[in-house]
Amino acid sequence: MKNTLKAIGKILFTVFLILYLGVEIIVTACLVNFNDQRITEFGDQSWVIVDEDLGDYKKGDLVIVTRGEGSEVEKGDKIFFYDPATDYTVNYAEVFDCYPSGDNSYTFELGGDYNVYYEYYIGKNVKSYKGVGTILSVLESKWGFLLLIILPTMIAIVFEFYLIILEIVDLRKED
């Protein structure tokens, strides 16, 4: 019975360790791929953490947006974009018209006199995960990363050094 409990404990610890390392790798990759607006970009995908309610999306949602070509945007599509009028915050709106404006560039009319140029376009084709953005924003914060990623890693390293030193001491006692 005692051996069975030890085996179950080892399995649970291994599963926890694998999940923890997976989260650690994902968070580090997100931080390494930040752009100037603190949005994670993996190629043509952007991971947007919704800071305030944006139409269909609520505060704390993680929204994965695909950029694609500007020619793919059509009237009626809803797009994410950087709003230069509000210090490049992320915004979300419906496109009323789309027209080319130079070489491989497009302008999206969002209503009235408000236009968004392709350089500020983040994307469309959205996948949304409710509440995951709040967790990711805590992990990506300075204190969250320090307390939940760096500190446990440092403790594990120090513990491993401690075990190595104990082994060396035991070997010297045997001699």
N, C-alpha and C. Protein backbone atom coordinates (compact mmCIF):
# COMPACT_ATOMS: atom_id res chain seq x y z
N MET A 1 0.83 -1.20 0.00
CA MET A 1 0.00 0.00 0.00
C MET A 1 0.87 1.26 0.00
N LYS A 2 1.95 1.21 0.82
CA LYS A 2 2.83 2.36 0.92
C LYS A 2 3.53 2.63 -0.41
N ASN A 3 3.93 1.56 -1.12
CA ASN A 3 4.60 1.71 -2.42
C ASN A 3 3.64 2.27 -3.46
N THR A 4 2.37 1.87 -3.37
CA THR A 4 1.37 2.37 -4.31
C THR A 4 1.16 3.87 -4.13
N LEU A 5 1.09 4.31 -2.87
CA LEU A 5 0.93 5.75 -2.61
C LEU A 5 2.15 6.55 -3.08
N LYS A 6 3.35 5.98 -2.91
CA LYS A 6 4.55 6.65 -3.39
C LYS A 6 4.53 6.76 -4.91
N ALA A 7 4.10 5.70 -5.58
CA ALA A 7 4.04 5.71 -7.04
C ALA A 7 3.03 6.74 -7.53
N ILE A 8 1.87 6.81 -6.89
CA ILE A 8 0.86 7.80 -7.26
C ILE A 8 1.38 9.21 -7.01
N GLY A 9 2.07 9.41 -5.90
CA GLY A 9 2.66 10.71 -5.59
C GLY A 9 3.68 11.13 -6.63
N LYS A 10 4.53 10.19 -7.06
CA LYS A 10 5.53 10.49 -8.09
C LYS A 10 4.86 10.84 -9.42
N ILE A 11 3.81 10.11 -9.76
CA ILE A 11 3.10 10.39 -11.02
C ILE A 11 2.46 11.77 -10.97
N LEU A 12 1.79 12.09 -9.86
CA LEU A 12 1.16 13.41 -9.72
C LEU A 12 2.20 14.53 -9.75
N PHE A 13 3.33 14.33 -9.08
CA PHE A 13 4.39 15.33 -9.09
C PHE A 13 4.94 15.52 -10.51
N THR A 14 5.12 14.43 -11.25
CA THR A 14 5.62 14.51 -12.62
C THR A 14 4.64 15.26 -13.52
N VAL A 15 3.35 14.96 -13.39
CA VAL A 15 2.32 15.65 -14.18
C VAL A 15 2.32 17.14 -13.85
N PHE A 16 2.37 17.48 -12.54
CA PHE A 16 2.42 18.88 -12.13
C PHE A 16 3.65 19.58 -12.70
N LEU A 17 4.79 18.92 -12.63
CA LEU A 17 6.04 19.50 -13.13
C LEU A 17 5.97 19.74 -14.64
N ILE A 18 5.43 18.81 -15.38
CA ILE A 18 5.31 18.97 -16.83
C ILE A 18 4.37 20.13 -17.16
N LEU A 19 3.23 20.22 -16.47
CA LEU A 19 2.30 21.33 -16.70
C LEU A 19 2.94 22.67 -16.34
N TYR A 20 3.64 22.71 -15.21
CA TYR A 20 4.31 23.93 -14.78
C TYR A 20 5.36 24.37 -15.80
N LEU A 21 6.18 23.42 -16.28
CA LEU A 21 7.19 23.77 -17.28
C LEU A 21 6.54 24.24 -18.58
N GLY A 22 5.41 23.65 -18.96
CA GLY A 22 4.69 24.10 -20.15
C GLY A 22 4.23 25.54 -20.01
N VAL A 23 3.64 25.86 -18.85
CA VAL A 23 3.19 27.24 -18.59
C VAL A 23 4.39 28.19 -18.59
N GLU A 24 5.47 27.76 -17.97
CA GLU A 24 6.68 28.58 -17.91
C GLU A 24 7.20 28.89 -19.32
N ILE A 25 7.23 27.90 -20.18
CA ILE A 25 7.72 28.10 -21.55
C ILE A 25 6.78 29.02 -22.33
N ILE A 26 5.48 28.81 -22.20
CA ILE A 26 4.50 29.65 -22.93
C ILE A 26 4.60 31.10 -22.48
N VAL A 27 4.67 31.34 -21.17
CA VAL A 27 4.74 32.72 -20.67
C VAL A 27 6.04 33.39 -21.12
N THR A 28 7.14 32.67 -21.06
CA THR A 28 8.41 33.24 -21.50
C THR A 28 8.37 33.55 -22.99
N ALA A 29 7.79 32.67 -23.80
CA ALA A 29 7.67 32.93 -25.23
C ALA A 29 6.79 34.15 -25.49
N CYS A 30 5.73 34.31 -24.72
CA CYS A 30 4.87 35.49 -24.86
C CYS A 30 5.64 36.77 -24.55
N LEU A 31 6.43 36.76 -23.49
CA LEU A 31 7.20 37.94 -23.11
C LEU A 31 8.27 38.28 -24.15
N VAL A 32 8.90 37.26 -24.70
CA VAL A 32 9.95 37.48 -25.70
C VAL A 32 9.36 38.06 -26.99
N ASN A 33 8.11 37.75 -27.28
CA ASN A 33 7.50 38.20 -28.53
C ASN A 33 6.58 39.41 -28.38
N PHE A 34 6.75 40.19 -27.31
CA PHE A 34 6.00 41.44 -27.16
C PHE A 34 6.38 42.43 -28.25
N ASN A 35 5.39 43.20 -28.71
CA ASN A 35 5.70 44.34 -29.58
C ASN A 35 5.70 45.60 -28.73
N ASP A 36 5.78 46.77 -29.36
CA ASP A 36 5.85 48.03 -28.61
C ASP A 36 4.60 48.31 -27.78
N GLN A 37 3.48 47.74 -28.15
CA GLN A 37 2.22 47.96 -27.43
C GLN A 37 1.93 46.85 -26.41
N ARG A 38 2.90 46.03 -26.10
CA ARG A 38 2.78 44.91 -25.16
C ARG A 38 1.74 43.87 -25.62
N ILE A 39 1.68 43.66 -26.91
CA ILE A 39 0.84 42.61 -27.50
C ILE A 39 1.79 41.52 -27.99
N THR A 40 1.51 40.27 -27.66
CA THR A 40 2.35 39.17 -28.09
C THR A 40 2.05 38.85 -29.55
N GLU A 41 3.12 38.77 -30.36
CA GLU A 41 2.96 38.45 -31.78
C GLU A 41 3.77 37.20 -32.12
N PHE A 42 3.07 36.20 -32.67
CA PHE A 42 3.70 35.00 -33.18
C PHE A 42 3.41 34.95 -34.68
N GLY A 43 4.33 35.47 -35.49
CA GLY A 43 4.12 35.51 -36.93
C GLY A 43 2.94 36.42 -37.26
N ASP A 44 1.91 35.86 -37.90
CA ASP A 44 0.75 36.66 -38.28
C ASP A 44 -0.35 36.62 -37.22
N GLN A 45 -0.08 35.99 -36.08
CA GLN A 45 -1.06 35.93 -34.99
C GLN A 45 -0.66 36.88 -33.87
N SER A 46 -1.65 37.54 -33.31
CA SER A 46 -1.44 38.41 -32.15
C SER A 46 -2.32 37.91 -31.02
N TRP A 47 -1.75 37.87 -29.81
CA TRP A 47 -2.49 37.49 -28.62
C TRP A 47 -2.84 38.76 -27.87
N VAL A 48 -4.10 39.14 -27.94
CA VAL A 48 -4.58 40.39 -27.34
C VAL A 48 -5.29 40.07 -26.04
N ILE A 49 -4.85 40.70 -24.96
CA ILE A 49 -5.54 40.60 -23.68
C ILE A 49 -6.48 41.80 -23.59
N VAL A 50 -7.77 41.54 -23.53
CA VAL A 50 -8.76 42.62 -23.54
C VAL A 50 -8.74 43.33 -22.18
N ASP A 51 -8.40 44.64 -22.21
CA ASP A 51 -8.29 45.44 -20.98
C ASP A 51 -9.63 46.05 -20.56
N GLU A 52 -10.50 46.26 -21.52
CA GLU A 52 -11.83 46.81 -21.24
C GLU A 52 -12.80 46.19 -22.23
N ASP A 53 -14.08 46.19 -21.92
CA ASP A 53 -15.05 45.56 -22.80
C ASP A 53 -14.96 46.15 -24.21
N LEU A 54 -14.83 45.25 -25.20
CA LEU A 54 -14.78 45.64 -26.61
C LEU A 54 -15.84 44.87 -27.37
N GLY A 55 -17.01 45.42 -27.45
CA GLY A 55 -18.08 44.76 -28.21
C GLY A 55 -18.38 43.37 -27.70
N ASP A 56 -18.00 42.37 -28.49
CA ASP A 56 -18.28 40.96 -28.17
C ASP A 56 -17.36 40.39 -27.10
N TYR A 57 -16.32 41.10 -26.75
CA TYR A 57 -15.30 40.58 -25.84
C TYR A 57 -15.29 41.36 -24.54
N LYS A 58 -15.12 40.64 -23.45
CA LYS A 58 -15.17 41.23 -22.12
C LYS A 58 -13.76 41.37 -21.56
N LYS A 59 -13.64 42.24 -20.57
CA LYS A 59 -12.36 42.45 -19.90
C LYS A 59 -11.85 41.12 -19.35
N GLY A 60 -10.58 40.83 -19.62
CA GLY A 60 -9.97 39.59 -19.14
C GLY A 60 -9.96 38.46 -20.15
N ASP A 61 -10.57 38.65 -21.31
CA ASP A 61 -10.55 37.62 -22.35
C ASP A 61 -9.21 37.64 -23.07
N LEU A 62 -8.76 36.48 -23.51
CA LEU A 62 -7.61 36.38 -24.39
C LEU A 62 -8.15 36.15 -25.79
N VAL A 63 -7.77 37.04 -26.70
CA VAL A 63 -8.26 36.96 -28.07
C VAL A 63 -7.07 36.73 -28.99
N ILE A 64 -7.12 35.65 -29.76
CA ILE A 64 -6.05 35.36 -30.72
C ILE A 64 -6.55 35.79 -32.09
N VAL A 65 -5.83 36.76 -32.67
CA VAL A 65 -6.25 37.41 -33.90
C VAL A 65 -5.24 37.11 -35.00
N THR A 66 -5.73 36.78 -36.21
CA THR A 66 -4.87 36.53 -37.35
C THR A 66 -4.89 37.73 -38.28
N ARG A 67 -3.70 38.20 -38.66
CA ARG A 67 -3.59 39.41 -39.47
C ARG A 67 -3.99 39.17 -40.92
N GLY A 68 -3.35 38.31 -41.61
CA GLY A 68 -3.67 38.06 -43.01
C GLY A 68 -3.41 39.26 -43.90
N GLU A 69 -3.89 39.19 -45.10
CA GLU A 69 -3.74 40.28 -46.07
C GLU A 69 -4.85 41.30 -45.87
N GLY A 70 -4.57 42.53 -46.16
CA GLY A 70 -5.58 43.58 -46.06
C GLY A 70 -6.70 43.39 -47.06
N SER A 71 -6.40 42.72 -48.18
CA SER A 71 -7.41 42.50 -49.21
C SER A 71 -8.49 41.52 -48.74
N GLU A 72 -8.20 40.75 -47.68
CA GLU A 72 -9.17 39.79 -47.15
C GLU A 72 -10.27 40.46 -46.33
N VAL A 73 -10.02 41.69 -45.91
CA VAL A 73 -11.00 42.40 -45.09
C VAL A 73 -12.10 42.92 -46.00
N GLU A 74 -13.34 42.65 -45.62
CA GLU A 74 -14.48 43.06 -46.43
C GLU A 74 -15.43 43.91 -45.60
N LYS A 75 -16.32 44.58 -46.30
CA LYS A 75 -17.34 45.37 -45.63
C LYS A 75 -18.13 44.47 -44.69
N GLY A 76 -18.32 44.91 -43.45
CA GLY A 76 -19.07 44.14 -42.46
C GLY A 76 -18.19 43.33 -41.52
N ASP A 77 -16.91 43.13 -41.87
CA ASP A 77 -16.00 42.42 -40.98
C ASP A 77 -15.72 43.27 -39.75
N LYS A 78 -15.46 42.60 -38.64
CA LYS A 78 -15.03 43.30 -37.43
C LYS A 78 -13.55 43.03 -37.24
N ILE A 79 -12.79 44.11 -37.06
CA ILE A 79 -11.33 43.99 -36.97
C ILE A 79 -10.80 44.58 -35.66
N PHE A 80 -9.63 44.10 -35.28
CA PHE A 80 -8.87 44.70 -34.19
C PHE A 80 -7.81 45.60 -34.80
N PHE A 81 -7.56 46.73 -34.17
CA PHE A 81 -6.56 47.68 -34.68
C PHE A 81 -6.00 48.50 -33.55
N TYR A 82 -4.82 49.09 -33.80
CA TYR A 82 -4.23 50.04 -32.86
C TYR A 82 -4.80 51.41 -33.16
N ASP A 83 -5.26 52.09 -32.13
CA ASP A 83 -5.86 53.41 -32.29
C ASP A 83 -4.81 54.48 -31.96
N PRO A 84 -4.23 55.12 -32.99
CA PRO A 84 -3.20 56.12 -32.72
C PRO A 84 -3.73 57.34 -31.96
N ALA A 85 -5.03 57.56 -32.02
CA ALA A 85 -5.62 58.71 -31.31
C ALA A 85 -5.63 58.51 -29.80
N THR A 86 -5.57 57.25 -29.35
CA THR A 86 -5.58 56.96 -27.91
C THR A 86 -4.32 56.22 -27.50
N ASP A 87 -3.17 56.73 -27.93
CA ASP A 87 -1.86 56.19 -27.55
C ASP A 87 -1.71 54.72 -27.97
N TYR A 88 -2.20 54.37 -29.13
CA TYR A 88 -2.06 53.05 -29.73
C TYR A 88 -2.67 51.92 -28.89
N THR A 89 -3.77 52.21 -28.22
CA THR A 89 -4.48 51.15 -27.52
C THR A 89 -5.19 50.27 -28.54
N VAL A 90 -5.51 49.06 -28.13
CA VAL A 90 -6.21 48.13 -29.02
C VAL A 90 -7.69 48.49 -29.04
N ASN A 91 -8.26 48.51 -30.24
CA ASN A 91 -9.67 48.80 -30.40
C ASN A 91 -10.28 47.77 -31.35
N TYR A 92 -11.60 47.77 -31.42
CA TYR A 92 -12.33 46.76 -32.18
C TYR A 92 -13.53 47.45 -32.82
N ALA A 93 -13.70 47.27 -34.13
CA ALA A 93 -14.81 47.94 -34.81
C ALA A 93 -15.18 47.22 -36.10
N GLU A 94 -16.36 47.57 -36.60
CA GLU A 94 -16.85 47.01 -37.86
C GLU A 94 -16.36 47.86 -39.02
N VAL A 95 -15.98 47.19 -40.10
CA VAL A 95 -15.49 47.87 -41.30
C VAL A 95 -16.68 48.23 -42.18
N PHE A 96 -16.79 49.53 -42.54
CA PHE A 96 -17.84 49.97 -43.44
C PHE A 96 -17.39 49.97 -44.89
N ASP A 97 -16.07 50.10 -45.09
CA ASP A 97 -15.54 50.07 -46.45
C ASP A 97 -14.05 49.78 -46.37
N CYS A 98 -13.52 49.18 -47.43
CA CYS A 98 -12.10 48.87 -47.52
C CYS A 98 -11.64 49.19 -48.93
N TYR A 99 -10.54 49.92 -49.03
CA TYR A 99 -10.03 50.25 -50.36
C TYR A 99 -8.50 50.31 -50.34
N PRO A 100 -7.89 49.96 -51.48
CA PRO A 100 -6.43 49.98 -51.56
C PRO A 100 -5.91 51.42 -51.46
N SER A 101 -4.73 51.56 -50.85
CA SER A 101 -4.12 52.88 -50.75
C SER A 101 -2.61 52.76 -50.93
N GLY A 102 -2.20 52.36 -52.10
CA GLY A 102 -0.77 52.22 -52.40
C GLY A 102 -0.40 50.75 -52.55
N ASP A 103 0.89 50.52 -52.60
CA ASP A 103 1.42 49.17 -52.79
C ASP A 103 1.18 48.32 -51.55
N ASN A 104 0.40 47.26 -51.72
CA ASN A 104 0.10 46.30 -50.64
C ASN A 104 -0.37 46.98 -49.36
N SER A 105 -1.06 48.07 -49.48
CA SER A 105 -1.58 48.77 -48.32
C SER A 105 -3.07 49.02 -48.52
N TYR A 106 -3.78 49.10 -47.41
CA TYR A 106 -5.22 49.28 -47.47
C TYR A 106 -5.65 50.27 -46.41
N THR A 107 -6.79 50.87 -46.65
CA THR A 107 -7.41 51.76 -45.68
C THR A 107 -8.78 51.19 -45.36
N PHE A 108 -9.10 51.13 -44.08
CA PHE A 108 -10.37 50.60 -43.63
C PHE A 108 -11.19 51.74 -43.05
N GLU A 109 -12.37 51.97 -43.62
CA GLU A 109 -13.26 53.00 -43.11
C GLU A 109 -14.15 52.36 -42.04
N LEU A 110 -14.13 52.95 -40.85
CA LEU A 110 -14.84 52.37 -39.72
C LEU A 110 -16.08 53.15 -39.33
N GLY A 111 -16.49 54.06 -40.14
CA GLY A 111 -17.68 54.85 -39.84
C GLY A 111 -17.33 56.32 -39.73
N GLY A 112 -18.19 57.13 -40.28
CA GLY A 112 -17.95 58.57 -40.24
C GLY A 112 -16.67 58.92 -40.96
N ASP A 113 -15.86 59.73 -40.35
CA ASP A 113 -14.58 60.13 -40.93
C ASP A 113 -13.42 59.35 -40.34
N TYR A 114 -13.71 58.24 -39.70
CA TYR A 114 -12.68 57.48 -39.00
C TYR A 114 -12.12 56.38 -39.90
N ASN A 115 -10.84 56.50 -40.24
CA ASN A 115 -10.17 55.51 -41.07
C ASN A 115 -9.02 54.88 -40.30
N VAL A 116 -8.76 53.61 -40.61
CA VAL A 116 -7.61 52.91 -40.05
C VAL A 116 -6.77 52.43 -41.21
N TYR A 117 -5.48 52.74 -41.15
CA TYR A 117 -4.56 52.32 -42.19
C TYR A 117 -4.02 50.94 -41.87
N TYR A 118 -3.59 50.24 -42.90
CA TYR A 118 -3.15 48.85 -42.76
C TYR A 118 -2.04 48.69 -41.72
N GLU A 119 -1.19 49.67 -41.57
CA GLU A 119 -0.09 49.56 -40.60
C GLU A 119 -0.60 49.47 -39.16
N TYR A 120 -1.83 49.92 -38.89
CA TYR A 120 -2.41 49.84 -37.55
C TYR A 120 -3.35 48.64 -37.39
N TYR A 121 -3.54 47.91 -38.46
CA TYR A 121 -4.43 46.75 -38.48
C TYR A 121 -3.78 45.59 -37.74
N ILE A 122 -4.48 45.02 -36.75
CA ILE A 122 -3.97 43.85 -36.03
C ILE A 122 -4.49 42.58 -36.69
N GLY A 123 -5.79 42.54 -36.98
CA GLY A 123 -6.31 41.37 -37.67
C GLY A 123 -7.77 41.09 -37.37
N LYS A 124 -8.22 39.97 -37.93
CA LYS A 124 -9.57 39.46 -37.70
C LYS A 124 -9.44 37.95 -37.53
N ASN A 125 -10.45 37.18 -37.84
CA ASN A 125 -10.42 35.72 -37.65
C ASN A 125 -10.04 35.40 -36.21
N VAL A 126 -10.95 35.62 -35.34
CA VAL A 126 -10.69 35.63 -33.90
C VAL A 126 -11.01 34.30 -33.24
N LYS A 127 -10.14 33.89 -32.31
CA LYS A 127 -10.43 32.82 -31.35
C LYS A 127 -10.38 33.48 -29.99
N SER A 128 -11.39 33.25 -29.18
CA SER A 128 -11.48 33.92 -27.89
C SER A 128 -11.52 32.89 -26.77
N TYR A 129 -10.81 33.21 -25.68
CA TYR A 129 -10.79 32.36 -24.50
C TYR A 129 -11.18 33.21 -23.30
N LYS A 130 -12.34 32.94 -22.74
CA LYS A 130 -12.89 33.74 -21.64
C LYS A 130 -12.02 33.63 -20.38
N GLY A 131 -11.61 34.77 -19.85
CA GLY A 131 -10.89 34.83 -18.58
C GLY A 131 -9.42 34.47 -18.62
N VAL A 132 -8.96 33.84 -19.70
CA VAL A 132 -7.56 33.42 -19.78
C VAL A 132 -6.62 34.63 -19.85
N GLY A 133 -7.09 35.72 -20.40
CA GLY A 133 -6.27 36.93 -20.50
C GLY A 133 -5.89 37.48 -19.14
N THR A 134 -6.78 37.37 -18.16
CA THR A 134 -6.47 37.83 -16.81
C THR A 134 -5.32 37.02 -16.22
N ILE A 135 -5.39 35.71 -16.38
CA ILE A 135 -4.33 34.84 -15.87
C ILE A 135 -3.01 35.14 -16.57
N LEU A 136 -3.05 35.26 -17.90
CA LEU A 136 -1.84 35.54 -18.66
C LEU A 136 -1.25 36.90 -18.31
N SER A 137 -2.11 37.90 -18.08
CA SER A 137 -1.59 39.22 -17.74
C SER A 137 -0.90 39.21 -16.37
N VAL A 138 -1.41 38.41 -15.44
CA VAL A 138 -0.74 38.28 -14.13
C VAL A 138 0.62 37.59 -14.31
N LEU A 139 0.65 36.53 -15.08
CA LEU A 139 1.91 35.82 -15.31
C LEU A 139 2.93 36.67 -16.06
N GLU A 140 2.45 37.54 -16.95
CA GLU A 140 3.35 38.39 -17.73
C GLU A 140 3.79 39.65 -16.98
N SER A 141 3.14 39.97 -15.87
CA SER A 141 3.54 41.14 -15.10
C SER A 141 4.90 40.89 -14.45
N LYS A 142 5.57 41.96 -14.07
CA LYS A 142 6.90 41.83 -13.46
C LYS A 142 6.86 40.98 -12.20
N TRP A 143 5.94 41.29 -11.30
CA TRP A 143 5.86 40.57 -10.04
C TRP A 143 5.33 39.16 -10.23
N GLY A 144 4.37 38.98 -11.13
CA GLY A 144 3.84 37.65 -11.39
C GLY A 144 4.91 36.73 -11.95
N PHE A 145 5.68 37.23 -12.91
CA PHE A 145 6.75 36.42 -13.51
C PHE A 145 7.82 36.10 -12.46
N LEU A 146 8.15 37.10 -11.64
CA LEU A 146 9.16 36.88 -10.60
C LEU A 146 8.70 35.83 -9.59
N LEU A 147 7.48 36.00 -9.07
CA LEU A 147 7.01 35.11 -8.01
C LEU A 147 6.60 33.72 -8.48
N LEU A 148 6.04 33.63 -9.68
CA LEU A 148 5.51 32.35 -10.14
C LEU A 148 6.43 31.58 -11.09
N ILE A 149 7.41 32.26 -11.67
CA ILE A 149 8.31 31.59 -12.61
C ILE A 149 9.75 31.59 -12.10
N ILE A 150 10.31 32.77 -11.87
CA ILE A 150 11.72 32.88 -11.50
C ILE A 150 11.99 32.28 -10.12
N LEU A 151 11.23 32.68 -9.11
CA LEU A 151 11.48 32.23 -7.74
C LEU A 151 11.40 30.70 -7.60
N PRO A 152 10.34 30.03 -8.09
CA PRO A 152 10.33 28.55 -7.98
C PRO A 152 11.48 27.90 -8.74
N THR A 153 11.87 28.47 -9.86
CA THR A 153 12.99 27.92 -10.62
C THR A 153 14.29 28.05 -9.81
N MET A 154 14.49 29.21 -9.20
CA MET A 154 15.68 29.42 -8.38
C MET A 154 15.69 28.48 -7.17
N ILE A 155 14.54 28.28 -6.55
CA ILE A 155 14.46 27.35 -5.41
C ILE A 155 14.81 25.94 -5.86
N ALA A 156 14.33 25.53 -7.02
CA ALA A 156 14.64 24.19 -7.53
C ALA A 156 16.13 24.05 -7.81
N ILE A 157 16.75 25.08 -8.36
CA ILE A 157 18.19 25.04 -8.63
C ILE A 157 18.98 24.95 -7.33
N VAL A 158 18.64 25.78 -6.35
CA VAL A 158 19.33 25.74 -5.06
C VAL A 158 19.15 24.38 -4.40
N PHE A 159 17.94 23.82 -4.48
CA PHE A 159 17.69 22.50 -3.90
C PHE A 159 18.55 21.43 -4.58
N GLU A 160 18.68 21.50 -5.89
CA GLU A 160 19.52 20.54 -6.62
C GLU A 160 20.98 20.66 -6.20
N PHE A 161 21.47 21.89 -6.03
CA PHE A 161 22.84 22.08 -5.54
C PHE A 161 23.00 21.49 -4.14
N TYR A 162 22.00 21.69 -3.31
CA TYR A 162 22.00 21.11 -1.95
C TYR A 162 22.11 19.59 -2.01
N LEU A 163 21.33 18.96 -2.88
CA LEU A 163 21.39 17.50 -3.01
C LEU A 163 22.75 17.03 -3.53
N ILE A 164 23.34 17.78 -4.45
CA ILE A 164 24.67 17.44 -4.96
C ILE A 164 25.70 17.53 -3.84
N ILE A 165 25.62 18.58 -3.04
CA ILE A 165 26.55 18.74 -1.92
C ILE A 165 26.39 17.60 -0.92
N LEU A 166 25.15 17.19 -0.63
CA LEU A 166 24.92 16.05 0.27
C LEU A 166 25.55 14.77 -0.28
N GLU A 167 25.43 14.55 -1.56
CA GLU A 167 26.03 13.37 -2.19
C GLU A 167 27.55 13.41 -2.08
N ILE A 168 28.13 14.57 -2.30
CA ILE A 168 29.59 14.71 -2.20
C ILE A 168 30.04 14.43 -0.76
N VAL A 169 29.31 14.96 0.22
CA VAL A 169 29.64 14.74 1.63
C VAL A 169 29.53 13.25 1.96
N ASP A 170 28.48 12.57 1.49
CA ASP A 170 28.33 11.14 1.73
C ASP A 170 29.47 10.33 1.11
N LEU A 171 29.90 10.72 -0.10
CA LEU A 171 31.01 10.03 -0.76
C LEU A 171 32.31 10.19 0.03
N ARG A 172 32.54 11.37 0.58
CA ARG A 172 33.76 11.61 1.35
C ARG A 172 33.72 10.85 2.67
N LYS A 173 32.55 10.71 3.27
CA LYS A 173 32.44 9.94 4.51
C LYS A 173 32.73 8.47 4.28
N GLU A 174 32.35 7.93 3.11
CA GLU A 174 32.59 6.54 2.79
C GLU A 174 34.08 6.26 2.61
N ASP A 175 34.81 7.27 2.12
CA ASP A 175 36.25 7.08 1.90
C ASP A 175 36.94 7.15 3.23
